[in-house]
PDB file of N, CA and C in Angstrom:
ATOM      1  N   UNK A   1     -23.442   7.532 -36.005  1.00  0.00           N
ATOM      2  CA  UNK A   1     -23.715   6.521 -35.156  1.00  0.00           C
ATOM      3  C   UNK A   1     -23.983   5.115 -35.629  1.00  0.00           C
ATOM      4  N   UNK A   2     -23.129   4.094 -35.093  1.00  0.00           N
ATOM      5  CA  UNK A   2     -23.376   2.664 -35.736  1.00  0.00           C
ATOM      6  C   UNK A   2     -24.398   1.752 -34.779  1.00  0.00           C
ATOM      7  N   UNK A   3     -25.501   1.376 -35.388  1.00  0.00           N
ATOM      8  CA  UNK A   3     -26.468   0.559 -34.402  1.00  0.00           C
ATOM      9  C   UNK A   3     -26.329  -0.825 -35.235  1.00  0.00           C
ATOM     10  N   UNK A   4     -25.509  -1.774 -34.518  1.00  0.00           N
ATOM     11  CA  UNK A   4     -25.546  -3.023 -35.130  1.00  0.00           C
ATOM     12  C   UNK A   4     -26.895  -3.745 -34.883  1.00  0.00           C
ATOM     13  N   UNK A   5     -27.523  -4.631 -35.692  1.00  0.00           N
ATOM     14  CA  UNK A   5     -28.551  -5.569 -35.439  1.00  0.00           C
ATOM     15  C   UNK A   5     -28.087  -6.463 -34.544  1.00  0.00           C
ATOM     16  N   UNK A   6     -29.324  -6.833 -33.649  1.00  0.00           N
ATOM     17  CA  UNK A   6     -28.896  -7.690 -32.162  1.00  0.00           C
ATOM     18  C   UNK A   6     -28.585  -9.118 -32.806  1.00  0.00           C
ATOM     19  N   UNK A   7     -28.794  -9.542 -34.188  1.00  0.00           N
ATOM     20  CA  UNK A   7     -28.474 -10.766 -34.493  1.00  0.00           C
ATOM     21  C   UNK A   7     -27.162 -10.935 -35.296  1.00  0.00           C
ATOM     22  N   UNK A   8     -26.270  -9.908 -35.174  1.00  0.00           N
ATOM     23  CA  UNK A   8     -24.944  -9.829 -35.979  1.00  0.00           C
ATOM     24  C   UNK A   8     -24.048 -10.414 -34.883  1.00  0.00           C
ATOM     25  N   UNK A   9     -23.291 -11.243 -35.254  1.00  0.00           N
ATOM     26  CA  UNK A   9     -22.133 -12.043 -34.511  1.00  0.00           C
ATOM     27  C   UNK A   9     -21.189 -10.790 -34.484  1.00  0.00           C
ATOM     28  N   UNK A  10     -20.489 -10.614 -33.319  1.00  0.00           N
ATOM     29  CA  UNK A  10     -19.379  -9.561 -33.272  1.00  0.00           C
ATOM     30  C   UNK A  10     -18.072 -10.280 -32.542  1.00  0.00           C
ATOM     31  N   UNK A  11     -16.989 -10.072 -32.991  1.00  0.00           N
ATOM     32  CA  UNK A  11     -15.857 -10.526 -32.581  1.00  0.00           C
ATOM     33  C   UNK A  11     -14.821  -9.530 -32.551  1.00  0.00           C
ATOM     34  N   UNK A  12     -14.086  -9.458 -31.259  1.00  0.00           N
ATOM     35  CA  UNK A  12     -13.075  -8.545 -31.091  1.00  0.00           C
ATOM     36  C   UNK A  12     -11.653  -9.311 -31.080  1.00  0.00           C
ATOM     37  N   UNK A  13     -10.826  -8.501 -31.936  1.00  0.00           N
ATOM     38  CA  UNK A  13      -9.513  -9.029 -32.057  1.00  0.00           C
ATOM     39  C   UNK A  13      -8.901  -8.495 -30.973  1.00  0.00           C
ATOM     40  N   UNK A  14      -8.395  -9.304 -30.054  1.00  0.00           N
ATOM     41  CA  UNK A  14      -7.840  -8.755 -28.660  1.00  0.00           C
ATOM     42  C   UNK A  14      -6.396  -8.286 -28.877  1.00  0.00           C
ATOM     43  N   UNK A  15      -5.505  -8.456 -29.754  1.00  0.00           N
ATOM     44  CA  UNK A  15      -4.322  -7.902 -29.896  1.00  0.00           C
ATOM     45  C   UNK A  15      -4.495  -6.637 -30.829  1.00  0.00           C
ATOM     46  N   UNK A  16      -3.378  -5.708 -30.800  1.00  0.00           N
ATOM     47  CA  UNK A  16      -3.578  -4.401 -31.651  1.00  0.00           C
ATOM     48  C   UNK A  16      -3.176  -5.049 -33.215  1.00  0.00           C
ATOM     49  N   UNK A  17      -3.776  -4.261 -34.085  1.00  0.00           N
ATOM     50  CA  UNK A  17      -3.079  -4.438 -35.244  1.00  0.00           C
ATOM     51  C   UNK A  17      -2.664  -3.099 -36.188  1.00  0.00           C
ATOM     52  N   UNK A  18      -1.993  -3.453 -37.324  1.00  0.00           N
ATOM     53  CA  UNK A  18      -1.467  -2.194 -37.966  1.00  0.00           C
ATOM     54  C   UNK A  18      -2.606  -1.390 -38.542  1.00  0.00           C
ATOM     55  N   UNK A  19      -2.789  -0.157 -38.162  1.00  0.00           N
ATOM     56  CA  UNK A  19      -3.928   0.607 -38.585  1.00  0.00           C
ATOM     57  C   UNK A  19      -3.965   1.248 -39.759  1.00  0.00           C
ATOM     58  N   UNK A  20      -2.596   0.821 -40.500  1.00  0.00           N
ATOM     59  CA  UNK A  20      -2.604   1.364 -41.833  1.00  0.00           C
ATOM     60  C   UNK A  20      -3.205   0.498 -42.903  1.00  0.00           C
ATOM     61  N   UNK A  21      -3.765  -0.809 -42.342  1.00  0.00           N
ATOM     62  CA  UNK A  21      -4.408  -1.605 -43.284  1.00  0.00           C
ATOM     63  C   UNK A  21      -6.039  -0.964 -43.800  1.00  0.00           C
ATOM     64  N   UNK A  22      -6.476  -1.358 -44.714  1.00  0.00           N
ATOM     65  CA  UNK A  22      -7.787  -0.823 -45.043  1.00  0.00           C
ATOM     66  C   UNK A  22      -8.635  -1.937 -44.821  1.00  0.00           C
ATOM     67  N   UNK A  23      -9.795  -1.900 -45.530  1.00  0.00           N
ATOM     68  CA  UNK A  23     -10.969  -2.908 -45.098  1.00  0.00           C
ATOM     69  C   UNK A  23     -10.546  -4.288 -45.756  1.00  0.00           C
ATOM     70  N   UNK A  24     -10.075  -4.143 -46.929  1.00  0.00           N
ATOM     71  CA  UNK A  24      -9.818  -5.653 -47.414  1.00  0.00           C
ATOM     72  C   UNK A  24      -8.585  -6.326 -46.750  1.00  0.00           C
ATOM     73  N   UNK A  25      -7.750  -5.254 -46.275  1.00  0.00           N
ATOM     74  CA  UNK A  25      -6.635  -6.175 -45.471  1.00  0.00           C
ATOM     75  C   UNK A  25      -6.831  -6.424 -44.161  1.00  0.00           C
ATOM     76  N   UNK A  26      -7.804  -5.764 -43.570  1.00  0.00           N
ATOM     77  CA  UNK A  26      -8.424  -6.273 -42.310  1.00  0.00           C
ATOM     78  C   UNK A  26      -9.145  -7.494 -42.491  1.00  0.00           C
ATOM     79  N   UNK A  27      -9.991  -7.451 -43.509  1.00  0.00           N
ATOM     80  CA  UNK A  27     -10.816  -8.801 -43.660  1.00  0.00           C
ATOM     81  C   UNK A  27     -10.096  -9.852 -43.960  1.00  0.00           C
ATOM     82  N   UNK A  28      -9.147  -9.813 -44.605  1.00  0.00           N
ATOM     83  CA  UNK A  28      -7.961 -11.021 -44.922  1.00  0.00           C
ATOM     84  C   UNK A  28      -7.451 -11.375 -43.691  1.00  0.00           C
ATOM     85  N   UNK A  29      -7.023 -10.433 -42.765  1.00  0.00           N
ATOM     86  CA  UNK A  29      -6.366 -10.701 -41.612  1.00  0.00           C
ATOM     87  C   UNK A  29      -7.443 -11.478 -40.742  1.00  0.00           C
ATOM     88  N   UNK A  30      -8.525 -10.898 -40.371  1.00  0.00           N
ATOM     89  CA  UNK A  30      -9.612 -11.699 -39.701  1.00  0.00           C
ATOM     90  C   UNK A  30      -9.892 -13.015 -40.108  1.00  0.00           C
ATOM     91  N   UNK A  31      -9.942 -13.388 -41.422  1.00  0.00           N
ATOM     92  CA  UNK A  31     -10.208 -14.518 -42.083  1.00  0.00           C
ATOM     93  C   UNK A  31      -8.903 -15.453 -41.898  1.00  0.00           C
ATOM     94  N   UNK A  32      -7.904 -15.040 -42.175  1.00  0.00           N
ATOM     95  CA  UNK A  32      -6.592 -15.840 -42.092  1.00  0.00           C
ATOM     96  C   UNK A  32      -5.961 -16.279 -40.636  1.00  0.00           C
ATOM     97  N   UNK A  33      -5.875 -15.098 -39.657  1.00  0.00           N
ATOM     98  CA  UNK A  33      -5.460 -15.417 -38.439  1.00  0.00           C
ATOM     99  C   UNK A  33      -6.505 -15.450 -37.293  1.00  0.00           C
ATOM    100  N   UNK A  34      -7.636 -15.080 -37.653  1.00  0.00           N
ATOM    101  CA  UNK A  34      -8.530 -15.168 -36.387  1.00  0.00           C
ATOM    102  C   UNK A  34      -9.822 -16.407 -36.823  1.00  0.00           C
ATOM    103  N   UNK A  35      -9.672 -16.680 -38.000  1.00  0.00           N
ATOM    104  CA  UNK A  35     -10.783 -17.714 -38.458  1.00  0.00           C
ATOM    105  C   UNK A  35     -12.297 -17.272 -38.560  1.00  0.00           C
ATOM    106  N   UNK A  36     -12.425 -15.800 -38.781  1.00  0.00           N
ATOM    107  CA  UNK A  36     -13.746 -15.335 -39.040  1.00  0.00           C
ATOM    108  C   UNK A  36     -13.878 -14.684 -40.165  1.00  0.00           C
ATOM    109  N   UNK A  37     -14.557 -14.741 -40.874  1.00  0.00           N
ATOM    110  CA  UNK A  37     -14.808 -14.178 -42.288  1.00  0.00           C
ATOM    111  C   UNK A  37     -15.793 -13.060 -42.274  1.00  0.00           C
ATOM    112  N   UNK A  38     -15.364 -11.786 -42.284  1.00  0.00           N
ATOM    113  CA  UNK A  38     -16.449 -10.769 -42.078  1.00  0.00           C
ATOM    114  C   UNK A  38     -17.432 -10.645 -43.548  1.00  0.00           C
ATOM    115  N   UNK A  39     -17.176 -11.433 -44.633  1.00  0.00           N
ATOM    116  CA  UNK A  39     -18.053 -11.652 -45.578  1.00  0.00           C
ATOM    117  C   UNK A  39     -19.091 -12.485 -45.440  1.00  0.00           C
ATOM    118  N   UNK A  40     -19.155 -13.051 -44.115  1.00  0.00           N
ATOM    119  CA  UNK A  40     -20.229 -13.985 -43.802  1.00  0.00           C
ATOM    120  C   UNK A  40     -20.996 -13.547 -42.471  1.00  0.00           C
ATOM    121  N   UNK A  41     -21.743 -12.528 -42.613  1.00  0.00           N
ATOM    122  CA  UNK A  41     -22.647 -11.962 -41.373  1.00  0.00           C
ATOM    123  C   UNK A  41     -21.711 -11.941 -40.181  1.00  0.00           C
ATOM    124  N   UNK A  42     -20.524 -11.445 -40.267  1.00  0.00           N
ATOM    125  CA  UNK A  42     -19.719 -11.408 -38.924  1.00  0.00           C
ATOM    126  C   UNK A  42     -19.152 -10.067 -38.915  1.00  0.00           C
ATOM    127  N   UNK A  43     -19.088  -9.423 -37.941  1.00  0.00           N
ATOM    128  CA  UNK A  43     -18.513  -8.081 -37.532  1.00  0.00           C
ATOM    129  C   UNK A  43     -17.218  -8.421 -36.989  1.00  0.00           C
ATOM    130  N   UNK A  44     -15.896  -7.956 -37.323  1.00  0.00           N
ATOM    131  CA  UNK A  44     -14.827  -8.083 -36.648  1.00  0.00           C
ATOM    132  C   UNK A  44     -14.338  -6.652 -36.017  1.00  0.00           C
ATOM    133  N   UNK A  45     -13.862  -6.458 -34.782  1.00  0.00           N
ATOM    134  CA  UNK A  45     -13.763  -5.148 -34.347  1.00  0.00           C
ATOM    135  C   UNK A  45     -12.050  -5.375 -34.042  1.00  0.00           C
ATOM    136  N   UNK A  46     -11.331  -4.303 -34.476  1.00  0.00           N
ATOM    137  CA  UNK A  46      -9.882  -4.303 -34.274  1.00  0.00           C
ATOM    138  C   UNK A  46      -9.497  -3.058 -33.431  1.00  0.00           C
ATOM    139  N   UNK A  47      -8.428  -3.154 -32.763  1.00  0.00           N
ATOM    140  CA  UNK A  47      -7.865  -1.906 -31.910  1.00  0.00           C
ATOM    141  C   UNK A  47      -6.402  -1.762 -32.407  1.00  0.00           C
ATOM    142  N   UNK A  48      -6.048  -0.390 -32.311  1.00  0.00           N
ATOM    143  CA  UNK A  48      -4.807   0.059 -32.483  1.00  0.00           C
ATOM    144  C   UNK A  48      -4.024  -0.164 -31.344  1.00  0.00           C
ATOM    145  N   UNK A  49      -2.529   0.235 -31.338  1.00  0.00           N
ATOM    146  CA  UNK A  49      -1.718   0.014 -30.262  1.00  0.00           C
ATOM    147  C   UNK A  49      -2.179   1.262 -29.262  1.00  0.00           C
ATOM    148  N   UNK A  50      -2.658   2.309 -29.878  1.00  0.00           N
ATOM    149  CA  UNK A  50      -3.047   3.417 -29.006  1.00  0.00           C
ATOM    150  C   UNK A  50      -4.415   2.924 -28.759  1.00  0.00           C
ATOM    151  N   UNK A  51      -5.174   3.034 -27.412  1.00  0.00           N
ATOM    152  CA  UNK A  51      -6.452   2.726 -27.036  1.00  0.00           C
ATOM    153  C   UNK A  51      -7.539   3.473 -27.537  1.00  0.00           C
ATOM    154  N   UNK A  52      -7.267   4.607 -28.307  1.00  0.00           N
ATOM    155  CA  UNK A  52      -8.211   5.586 -28.546  1.00  0.00           C
ATOM    156  C   UNK A  52      -8.851   5.351 -30.005  1.00  0.00           C
ATOM    157  N   UNK A  53      -8.567   4.235 -30.802  1.00  0.00           N
ATOM    158  CA  UNK A  53      -8.748   3.992 -32.172  1.00  0.00           C
ATOM    159  C   UNK A  53      -9.476   2.473 -32.190  1.00  0.00           C
ATOM    160  N   UNK A  54     -10.509   2.481 -33.111  1.00  0.00           N
ATOM    161  CA  UNK A  54     -10.921   1.388 -33.484  1.00  0.00           C
ATOM    162  C   UNK A  54     -11.637   1.421 -34.873  1.00  0.00           C
ATOM    163  N   UNK A  55     -11.423   0.097 -35.431  1.00  0.00           N
ATOM    164  CA  UNK A  55     -11.962   0.069 -36.814  1.00  0.00           C
ATOM    165  C   UNK A  55     -12.859  -1.485 -36.763  1.00  0.00           C
ATOM    166  N   UNK A  56     -13.855  -1.543 -37.470  1.00  0.00           N
ATOM    167  CA  UNK A  56     -14.727  -2.591 -37.707  1.00  0.00           C
ATOM    168  C   UNK A  56     -15.025  -2.799 -38.995  1.00  0.00           C
ATOM    169  N   UNK A  57     -14.711  -4.115 -39.497  1.00  0.00           N
ATOM    170  CA  UNK A  57     -15.121  -4.493 -40.899  1.00  0.00           C
ATOM    171  C   UNK A  57     -16.239  -5.528 -40.818  1.00  0.00           C
ATOM    172  N   UNK A  58     -17.382  -5.327 -41.661  1.00  0.00           N
ATOM    173  CA  UNK A  58     -18.359  -6.189 -41.983  1.00  0.00           C
ATOM    174  C   UNK A  58     -18.910  -6.103 -43.050  1.00  0.00           C
ATOM    175  N   UNK A  59     -19.677  -7.278 -43.604  1.00  0.00           N
ATOM    176  CA  UNK A  59     -20.099  -7.211 -44.828  1.00  0.00           C
ATOM    177  C   UNK A  59     -21.776  -6.802 -44.903  1.00  0.00           C
ATOM    178  N   UNK A  60     -22.189  -5.723 -45.469  1.00  0.00           N
ATOM    179  CA  UNK A  60     -23.728  -5.386 -45.007  1.00  0.00           C
ATOM    180  C   UNK A  60     -24.654  -5.773 -46.157  1.00  0.00           C
ATOM    181  N   UNK A  61     -24.085  -7.001 -47.142  1.00  0.00           N
ATOM    182  CA  UNK A  61     -25.121  -7.443 -47.941  1.00  0.00           C
ATOM    183  C   UNK A  61     -24.797  -6.777 -49.549  1.00  0.00           C
ATOM    184  N   UNK A  62     -24.171  -5.764 -49.503  1.00  0.00           N
ATOM    185  CA  UNK A  62     -23.848  -5.227 -50.906  1.00  0.00           C
ATOM    186  C   UNK A  62     -22.433  -4.876 -50.938  1.00  0.00           C
ATOM    187  N   UNK A  63     -21.898  -4.802 -49.885  1.00  0.00           N
ATOM    188  CA  UNK A  63     -20.445  -4.504 -50.049  1.00  0.00           C
ATOM    189  C   UNK A  63     -19.772  -4.635 -48.746  1.00  0.00           C
ATOM    190  N   UNK A  64     -18.387  -4.657 -48.649  1.00  0.00           N
ATOM    191  CA  UNK A  64     -17.569  -4.440 -47.469  1.00  0.00           C
ATOM    192  C   UNK A  64     -17.653  -3.023 -46.812  1.00  0.00           C
ATOM    193  N   UNK A  65     -17.936  -3.054 -45.514  1.00  0.00           N
ATOM    194  CA  UNK A  65     -17.960  -1.697 -44.777  1.00  0.00           C
ATOM    195  C   UNK A  65     -16.788  -1.667 -43.746  1.00  0.00           C
ATOM    196  N   UNK A  66     -16.339  -0.659 -43.677  1.00  0.00           N
ATOM    197  CA  UNK A  66     -15.260  -0.369 -42.688  1.00  0.00           C
ATOM    198  C   UNK A  66     -15.519   0.703 -41.892  1.00  0.00           C
ATOM    199  N   UNK A  67     -16.067   0.801 -40.422  1.00  0.00           N
ATOM    200  CA  UNK A  67     -16.209   1.835 -39.441  1.00  0.00           C
ATOM    201  C   UNK A  67     -14.901   2.082 -38.728  1.00  0.00           C
ATOM    202  N   UNK A  68     -14.640   3.402 -38.647  1.00  0.00           N
ATOM    203  CA  UNK A  68     -13.485   3.790 -38.050  1.00  0.00           C
ATOM    204  C   UNK A  68     -13.637   4.914 -36.999  1.00  0.00           C
ATOM    205  N   UNK A  69     -13.021   4.755 -35.604  1.00  0.00           N
ATOM    206  CA  UNK A  69     -13.512   5.889 -35.026  1.00  0.00           C
ATOM    207  C   UNK A  69     -12.167   6.099 -34.037  1.00  0.00           C
ATOM    208  N   UNK A  70     -11.922   7.399 -33.676  1.00  0.00           N
ATOM    209  CA  UNK A  70     -11.020   7.847 -32.642  1.00  0.00           C
ATOM    210  C   UNK A  70     -11.635   8.711 -31.581  1.00  0.00           C
ATOM    211  N   UNK A  71     -11.483   8.279 -30.310  1.00  0.00           N
ATOM    212  CA  UNK A  71     -12.108   8.980 -29.017  1.00  0.00           C
ATOM    213  C   UNK A  71     -11.245  10.348 -28.795  1.00  0.00           C
ATOM    214  N   UNK A  72     -11.653  11.364 -28.839  1.00  0.00           N
ATOM    215  CA  UNK A  72     -11.039  12.515 -28.204  1.00  0.00           C
ATOM    216  C   UNK A  72     -10.919  12.502 -26.875  1.00  0.00           C
ATOM    217  N   UNK A  73      -9.641  12.746 -26.227  1.00  0.00           N
ATOM    218  CA  UNK A  73      -9.341  13.179 -24.913  1.00  0.00           C
ATOM    219  C   UNK A  73      -9.549  11.841 -24.106  1.00  0.00           C
ATOM    220  N   UNK A  74      -9.894  10.530 -24.478  1.00  0.00           N
ATOM    221  CA  UNK A  74      -9.844   9.372 -23.776  1.00  0.00           C
ATOM    222  C   UNK A  74      -9.605   8.106 -24.643  1.00  0.00           C
ATOM    223  N   UNK A  75      -9.596   7.064 -24.033  1.00  0.00           N
ATOM    224  CA  UNK A  75      -9.511   5.853 -24.722  1.00  0.00           C
ATOM    225  C   UNK A  75     -10.459   4.849 -24.635  1.00  0.00           C
ATOM    226  N   UNK A  76     -10.813   3.922 -25.441  1.00  0.00           N
ATOM    227  CA  UNK A  76     -11.747   2.890 -25.209  1.00  0.00           C
ATOM    228  C   UNK A  76     -11.239   1.881 -24.220  1.00  0.00           C
ATOM    229  N   UNK A  77     -12.266   1.318 -23.453  1.00  0.00           N
ATOM    230  CA  UNK A  77     -12.068   0.250 -22.741  1.00  0.00           C
ATOM    231  C   UNK A  77     -11.955  -1.084 -23.584  1.00  0.00           C
ATOM    232  N   UNK A  78     -10.987  -1.744 -23.553  1.00  0.00           N
ATOM    233  CA  UNK A  78     -10.528  -2.917 -24.256  1.00  0.00           C
ATOM    234  C   UNK A  78     -10.276  -4.054 -23.336  1.00  0.00           C
ATOM    235  N   UNK A  79     -10.545  -5.118 -23.818  1.00  0.00           N
ATOM    236  CA  UNK A  79     -10.244  -6.288 -22.981  1.00  0.00           C
ATOM    237  C   UNK A  79      -8.745  -6.549 -23.100  1.00  0.00           C
ATOM    238  N   UNK A  80      -8.190  -7.390 -22.040  1.00  0.00           N
ATOM    239  CA  UNK A  80      -6.779  -7.487 -21.959  1.00  0.00           C
ATOM    240  C   UNK A  80      -6.061  -8.266 -23.226  1.00  0.00           C
ATOM    241  N   UNK A  81      -5.067  -7.641 -23.652  1.00  0.00           N
ATOM    242  CA  UNK A  81      -4.388  -8.125 -24.778  1.00  0.00           C
ATOM    243  C   UNK A  81      -3.728  -9.607 -24.647  1.00  0.00           C
ATOM    244  N   UNK A  82      -4.402 -10.435 -25.232  1.00  0.00           N
ATOM    245  CA  UNK A  82      -3.974 -12.036 -25.319  1.00  0.00           C
ATOM    246  C   UNK A  82      -4.387 -12.522 -26.759  1.00  0.00           C
ATOM    247  N   UNK A  83      -3.751 -13.544 -27.124  1.00  0.00           N
ATOM    248  CA  UNK A  83      -3.897 -14.241 -28.325  1.00  0.00           C
ATOM    249  C   UNK A  83      -5.450 -14.622 -28.652  1.00  0.00           C
ATOM    250  N   UNK A  84      -5.751 -14.223 -29.827  1.00  0.00           N
ATOM    251  CA  UNK A  84      -7.308 -14.641 -30.273  1.00  0.00           C
ATOM    252  C   UNK A  84      -8.280 -13.674 -30.302  1.00  0.00           C
ATOM    253  N   UNK A  85      -9.530 -14.117 -29.873  1.00  0.00           N
ATOM    254  CA  UNK A  85     -10.709 -13.256 -30.216  1.00  0.00           C
ATOM    255  C   UNK A  85     -11.650 -13.436 -28.990  1.00  0.00           C
ATOM    256  N   UNK A  86     -12.380 -12.525 -28.920  1.00  0.00           N
ATOM    257  CA  UNK A  86     -13.583 -12.631 -27.857  1.00  0.00           C
ATOM    258  C   UNK A  86     -14.756 -12.295 -28.589  1.00  0.00           C
ATOM    259  N   UNK A  87     -15.856 -12.676 -28.113  1.00  0.00           N
ATOM    260  CA  UNK A  87     -17.344 -12.518 -28.629  1.00  0.00           C
ATOM    261  C   UNK A  87     -17.852 -11.354 -27.820  1.00  0.00           C
ATOM    262  N   UNK A  88     -18.511 -10.278 -28.564  1.00  0.00           N
ATOM    263  CA  UNK A  88     -19.225  -9.344 -27.844  1.00  0.00           C
ATOM    264  C   UNK A  88     -20.776  -9.455 -28.545  1.00  0.00           C
ATOM    265  N   UNK A  89     -21.621  -8.715 -27.654  1.00  0.00           N
ATOM    266  CA  UNK A  89     -23.109  -8.758 -28.223  1.00  0.00           C
ATOM    267  C   UNK A  89     -23.093  -7.265 -28.740  1.00  0.00           C
ATOM    268  N   UNK A  90     -24.341  -6.934 -29.388  1.00  0.00           N
ATOM    269  CA  UNK A  90     -24.533  -5.562 -29.839  1.00  0.00           C
ATOM    270  C   UNK A  90     -24.507  -4.467 -28.906  1.00  0.00           C
ATOM    271  N   UNK A  91     -25.155  -4.683 -27.768  1.00  0.00           N
ATOM    272  CA  UNK A  91     -25.169  -3.734 -26.727  1.00  0.00           C
ATOM    273  C   UNK A  91     -23.864  -3.391 -26.487  1.00  0.00           C
ATOM    274  N   UNK A  92     -23.116  -4.467 -26.065  1.00  0.00           N
ATOM    275  CA  UNK A  92     -21.533  -4.160 -25.590  1.00  0.00           C
ATOM    276  C   UNK A  92     -20.802  -3.536 -26.534  1.00  0.00           C
ATOM    277  N   UNK A  93     -21.031  -3.797 -27.817  1.00  0.00           N
ATOM    278  CA  UNK A  93     -20.393  -2.877 -28.945  1.00  0.00           C
ATOM    279  C   UNK A  93     -20.744  -1.515 -28.887  1.00  0.00           C
ATOM    280  N   UNK A  94     -21.899  -1.314 -28.984  1.00  0.00           N
ATOM    281  CA  UNK A  94     -22.751  -0.036 -28.859  1.00  0.00           C
ATOM    282  C   UNK A  94     -21.856   0.879 -27.520  1.00  0.00           C
ATOM    283  N   UNK A  95     -21.828  -0.138 -26.278  1.00  0.00           N
ATOM    284  CA  UNK A  95     -21.286   0.747 -25.205  1.00  0.00           C
ATOM    285  C   UNK A  95     -19.835   1.215 -25.498  1.00  0.00           C
ATOM    286  N   UNK A  96     -19.088   0.277 -26.187  1.00  0.00           N
ATOM    287  CA  UNK A  96     -17.812   0.346 -26.248  1.00  0.00           C
ATOM    288  C   UNK A  96     -17.483   1.481 -27.290  1.00  0.00           C
ATOM    289  N   UNK A  97     -18.258   1.504 -28.408  1.00  0.00           N
ATOM    290  CA  UNK A  97     -18.075   2.845 -29.297  1.00  0.00           C
ATOM    291  C   UNK A  97     -18.431   4.022 -28.639  1.00  0.00           C
ATOM    292  N   UNK A  98     -19.278   4.102 -27.800  1.00  0.00           N
ATOM    293  CA  UNK A  98     -19.711   5.286 -26.893  1.00  0.00           C
ATOM    294  C   UNK A  98     -18.585   5.667 -25.762  1.00  0.00           C
ATOM    295  N   UNK A  99     -17.571   4.754 -25.628  1.00  0.00           N
ATOM    296  CA  UNK A  99     -16.478   5.303 -24.933  1.00  0.00           C
ATOM    297  C   UNK A  99     -16.980   4.514 -23.284  1.00  0.00           C
ATOM    298  N   UNK A 100     -17.901   3.806 -23.312  1.00  0.00           N
ATOM    299  CA  UNK A 100     -18.251   3.322 -21.832  1.00  0.00           C
ATOM    300  C   UNK A 100     -17.568   2.042 -21.523  1.00  0.00           C
ATOM    301  N   UNK A 101     -17.727   1.650 -20.351  1.00  0.00           N
ATOM    302  CA  UNK A 101     -17.280   0.348 -19.799  1.00  0.00           C
ATOM    303  C   UNK A 101     -18.382  -0.630 -20.309  1.00  0.00           C
ATOM    304  N   UNK A 102     -17.713  -1.327 -21.244  1.00  0.00           N
ATOM    305  CA  UNK A 102     -18.842  -2.180 -21.984  1.00  0.00           C
ATOM    306  C   UNK A 102     -18.829  -3.546 -21.113  1.00  0.00           C
ATOM    307  N   UNK A 103     -17.987  -3.795 -20.092  1.00  0.00           N
ATOM    308  CA  UNK A 103     -18.034  -4.999 -19.360  1.00  0.00           C
ATOM    309  C   UNK A 103     -19.183  -4.916 -18.354  1.00  0.00           C
ATOM    310  N   UNK A 104     -19.797  -3.758 -18.322  1.00  0.00           N
ATOM    311  CA  UNK A 104     -21.031  -3.929 -17.052  1.00  0.00           C
ATOM    312  C   UNK A 104     -22.239  -4.116 -18.096  1.00  0.00           C
ATOM    313  N   UNK A 105     -22.140  -4.421 -19.014  1.00  0.00           N
ATOM    314  CA  UNK A 105     -23.237  -4.652 -20.059  1.00  0.00           C
ATOM    315  C   UNK A 105     -23.537  -6.237 -20.202  1.00  0.00           C
ATOM    316  N   UNK A 106     -24.562  -6.502 -19.598  1.00  0.00           N
ATOM    317  CA  UNK A 106     -24.958  -8.050 -19.608  1.00  0.00           C
ATOM    318  C   UNK A 106     -26.250  -8.111 -20.009  1.00  0.00           C
ATOM    319  N   UNK A 107     -26.681  -9.270 -20.955  1.00  0.00           N
ATOM    320  CA  UNK A 107     -27.909  -9.651 -21.160  1.00  0.00           C
ATOM    321  C   UNK A 107     -28.564 -10.025 -19.966  1.00  0.00           C
ATOM    322  N   UNK A 108     -29.922  -9.751 -19.971  1.00  0.00           N
ATOM    323  CA  UNK A 108     -30.660 -10.236 -18.902  1.00  0.00           C
ATOM    324  C   UNK A 108     -31.137 -11.666 -19.050  1.00  0.00           C
ATOM    325  N   UNK A 109     -31.251 -12.365 -17.948  1.00  0.00           N
ATOM    326  CA  UNK A 109     -31.530 -13.768 -17.959  1.00  0.00           C
ATOM    327  C   UNK A 109     -33.009 -14.046 -17.785  1.00  0.00           C
ATOM    328  N   UNK A 110     -33.546 -14.483 -18.885  1.00  0.00           N
ATOM    329  CA  UNK A 110     -34.996 -14.647 -19.197  1.00  0.00           C
ATOM    330  C   UNK A 110     -35.189 -16.058 -18.796  1.00  0.00           C
ATOM    331  N   UNK A 111     -35.938 -16.525 -17.647  1.00  0.00           N
ATOM    332  CA  UNK A 111     -36.537 -17.945 -17.448  1.00  0.00           C
ATOM    333  C   UNK A 111     -37.127 -18.451 -18.616  1.00  0.00           C
ATOM    334  N   UNK A 112     -37.006 -19.765 -18.912  1.00  0.00           N
ATOM    335  CA  UNK A 112     -38.059 -20.359 -19.926  1.00  0.00           C
ATOM    336  C   UNK A 112     -39.439 -20.578 -19.208  1.00  0.00           C
ATOM    337  N   UNK A 113     -40.462 -20.403 -19.840  1.00  0.00           N
ATOM    338  CA  UNK A 113     -41.785 -20.528 -19.574  1.00  0.00           C
ATOM    339  C   UNK A 113     -42.053 -22.165 -19.122  1.00  0.00           C
ATOM    340  N   UNK A 114     -42.851 -22.449 -18.092  1.00  0.00           N
ATOM    341  CA  UNK A 114     -43.057 -23.898 -17.647  1.00  0.00           C
ATOM    342  C   UNK A 114     -44.118 -24.250 -18.627  1.00  0.00           C
ATOM    343  N   UNK A 115     -45.108 -23.536 -18.882  1.00  0.00           N
ATOM    344  CA  UNK A 115     -46.221 -24.055 -19.441  1.00  0.00           C
ATOM    345  C   UNK A 115     -47.112 -22.862 -19.985  1.00  0.00           C
ATOM    346  N   UNK A 116     -47.766 -23.030 -21.027  1.00  0.00           N
ATOM    347  CA  UNK A 116     -48.779 -21.875 -21.394  1.00  0.00           C
ATOM    348  C   UNK A 116     -50.070 -22.158 -20.413  1.00  0.00           C
ATOM    349  N   UNK A 117     -50.684 -20.951 -20.170  1.00  0.00           N
ATOM    350  CA  UNK A 117     -51.708 -20.726 -19.241  1.00  0.00           C
ATOM    351  C   UNK A 117     -52.985 -21.683 -19.947  1.00  0.00           C
TER     352      UNK A 117
END
């Protein structure tokens, strides 16, 4: 089970990529075409042409990590296939990896306090 820290910046590549690529190839793809470097506290989520596979690359402080998952019997709920990337928070990523509809996950709106008592 992958539990990303809430402070981690997460980007989803919305177009499918070649899943034969390994961690280094996906990290280079993220930096060159998406403009986000996984070596700088950013996780990049990639999808395959088949909606049932996901790969995530991130630098954990000591090495490049690649997380790979395939759902059995169903597919992930992906954003529409368009050029570019979209941002996702840690709760949405956890829901995506669990096979849930991550679009229903929203951060609560917490009002700013007016003054201390």
